Amino acid sequence: LKSLPNNLKVGGGLYLLDTQITSLPDNLQVGGFLNLNNTPLSKKYSKDEIRQRIEDKGGDVKGNIYI
């Protein structure tokens, strides 16, 4: 998995661990947690930076972000 579609809405948690995801889509809505363990994003950004990048693109993660 390398990318996700814009405007993706997930009601619960989103598991992206152990993927090659390098960016998150515009307007990403996650109702639970976001797990980015062992991804290029987790090696490049802090939890706070990832949350801010999501919010800057019009998205939201209701739960914790795991890196």
C-alpha atoms as a PDB file:
ATOM      1  CA  LEU A   1       0.000   0.000   0.000  1.00  0.00           C
ATOM      2  CA  LYS A   2       1.514   3.298  -1.086  1.00  0.00           C
ATOM      3  CA  SER A   3      -1.396   5.752  -1.239  1.00  0.00           C
ATOM      4  CA  LEU A   4      -4.995   6.363  -0.189  1.00  0.00           C
ATOM      5  CA  PRO A   5      -7.793   8.221  -2.001  1.00  0.00           C
ATOM      6  CA  ASN A   6      -8.750  11.779  -1.089  1.00  0.00           C
ATOM      7  CA  ASN A   7     -11.851  12.209   1.087  1.00  0.00           C
ATOM      8  CA  LEU A   8     -11.396   8.782   2.727  1.00  0.00           C
ATOM      9  CA  LYS A   9     -13.617   8.302   5.775  1.00  0.00           C
ATOM     10  CA  VAL A  10     -12.971   5.485   8.252  1.00  0.00           C
ATOM     11  CA  GLY A  11     -15.407   4.993  11.132  1.00  0.00           C
ATOM     12  CA  GLY A  12     -12.967   3.172  13.411  1.00  0.00           C
ATOM     13  CA  GLY A  13      -9.223   2.694  13.507  1.00  0.00           C
ATOM     14  CA  LEU A  14      -7.017   2.823  10.427  1.00  0.00           C
ATOM     15  CA  TYR A  15      -4.128   0.346  10.375  1.00  0.00           C
ATOM     16  CA  LEU A  16      -1.370   1.423   7.996  1.00  0.00           C
ATOM     17  CA  LEU A  17       1.513  -0.206   9.861  1.00  0.00           C
ATOM     18  CA  ASP A  18       4.236  -1.917   7.840  1.00  0.00           C
ATOM     19  CA  THR A  19       3.175  -0.180   4.600  1.00  0.00           C
ATOM     20  CA  GLN A  20       5.121   2.084   2.257  1.00  0.00           C
ATOM     21  CA  ILE A  21       2.673   4.988   2.662  1.00  0.00           C
ATOM     22  CA  THR A  22       4.537   8.266   2.184  1.00  0.00           C
ATOM     23  CA  SER A  23       1.680  10.784   2.343  1.00  0.00           C
ATOM     24  CA  LEU A  24      -1.853  11.046   3.639  1.00  0.00           C
ATOM     25  CA  PRO A  25      -4.799  12.159   1.500  1.00  0.00           C
ATOM     26  CA  ASP A  26      -6.738  15.420   1.635  1.00  0.00           C
ATOM     27  CA  ASN A  27      -9.778  15.417   3.933  1.00  0.00           C
ATOM     28  CA  LEU A  28      -8.846  12.144   5.680  1.00  0.00           C
ATOM     29  CA  GLN A  29     -11.406  11.443   8.435  1.00  0.00           C
ATOM     30  CA  VAL A  30     -10.588   8.750  10.990  1.00  0.00           C
ATOM     31  CA  GLY A  31     -13.114   8.071  13.760  1.00  0.00           C
ATOM     32  CA  GLY A  32     -10.660   6.074  15.870  1.00  0.00           C
ATOM     33  CA  PHE A  33      -6.892   5.723  15.956  1.00  0.00           C
ATOM     34  CA  LEU A  34      -4.329   5.919  13.155  1.00  0.00           C
ATOM     35  CA  ASN A  35      -1.512   3.361  13.281  1.00  0.00           C
ATOM     36  CA  LEU A  36       1.552   4.344  11.233  1.00  0.00           C
ATOM     37  CA  ASN A  37       4.126   2.102  12.948  1.00  0.00           C
ATOM     38  CA  ASN A  38       7.039   1.137  10.724  1.00  0.00           C
ATOM     39  CA  THR A  39       6.145   3.404   7.792  1.00  0.00           C
ATOM     40  CA  PRO A  40       8.163   6.119   6.041  1.00  0.00           C
ATOM     41  CA  LEU A  41       5.837   8.700   7.669  1.00  0.00           C
ATOM     42  CA  SER A  42       6.613   7.411  11.173  1.00  0.00           C
ATOM     43  CA  LYS A  43      10.328   7.740  10.524  1.00  0.00           C
ATOM     44  CA  LYS A  44      10.027  11.287   9.161  1.00  0.00           C
ATOM     45  CA  TYR A  45       7.443  12.981  11.422  1.00  0.00           C
ATOM     46  CA  SER A  46       6.377  13.079  15.070  1.00  0.00           C
ATOM     47  CA  LYS A  47       2.796  12.276  16.138  1.00  0.00           C
ATOM     48  CA  ASP A  48       2.053  15.981  16.519  1.00  0.00           C
ATOM     49  CA  GLU A  49       3.483  16.772  13.076  1.00  0.00           C
ATOM     50  CA  ILE A  50       1.380  14.033  11.460  1.00  0.00           C
ATOM     51  CA  ARG A  51      -1.791  15.254  13.176  1.00  0.00           C
ATOM     52  CA  GLN A  52      -1.045  18.824  12.083  1.00  0.00           C
ATOM     53  CA  ARG A  53      -0.428  17.757   8.471  1.00  0.00           C
ATOM     54  CA  ILE A  54      -3.782  15.915   8.444  1.00  0.00           C
ATOM     55  CA  GLU A  55      -5.605  18.922   9.900  1.00  0.00           C
ATOM     56  CA  ASP A  56      -3.875  21.290   7.461  1.00  0.00           C
ATOM     57  CA  LYS A  57      -5.361  19.179   4.635  1.00  0.00           C
ATOM     58  CA  GLY A  58      -8.891  19.443   6.066  1.00  0.00           C
ATOM     59  CA  GLY A  59      -8.861  16.096   7.863  1.00  0.00           C
ATOM     60  CA  ASP A  60      -9.175  14.817  11.412  1.00  0.00           C
ATOM     61  CA  VAL A  61      -8.155  11.838  13.537  1.00  0.00           C
ATOM     62  CA  LYS A  62     -10.394  11.439  16.604  1.00  0.00           C
ATOM     63  CA  GLY A  63      -8.152   8.938  18.402  1.00  0.00           C
ATOM     64  CA  ASN A  64      -4.462   8.459  19.048  1.00  0.00           C
ATOM     65  CA  ILE A  65      -1.812   8.362  16.369  1.00  0.00           C
ATOM     66  CA  TYR A  66       0.724   5.572  16.781  1.00  0.00           C
ATOM     67  CA  ILE A  67       4.155   5.785  15.229  1.00  0.00           C
END
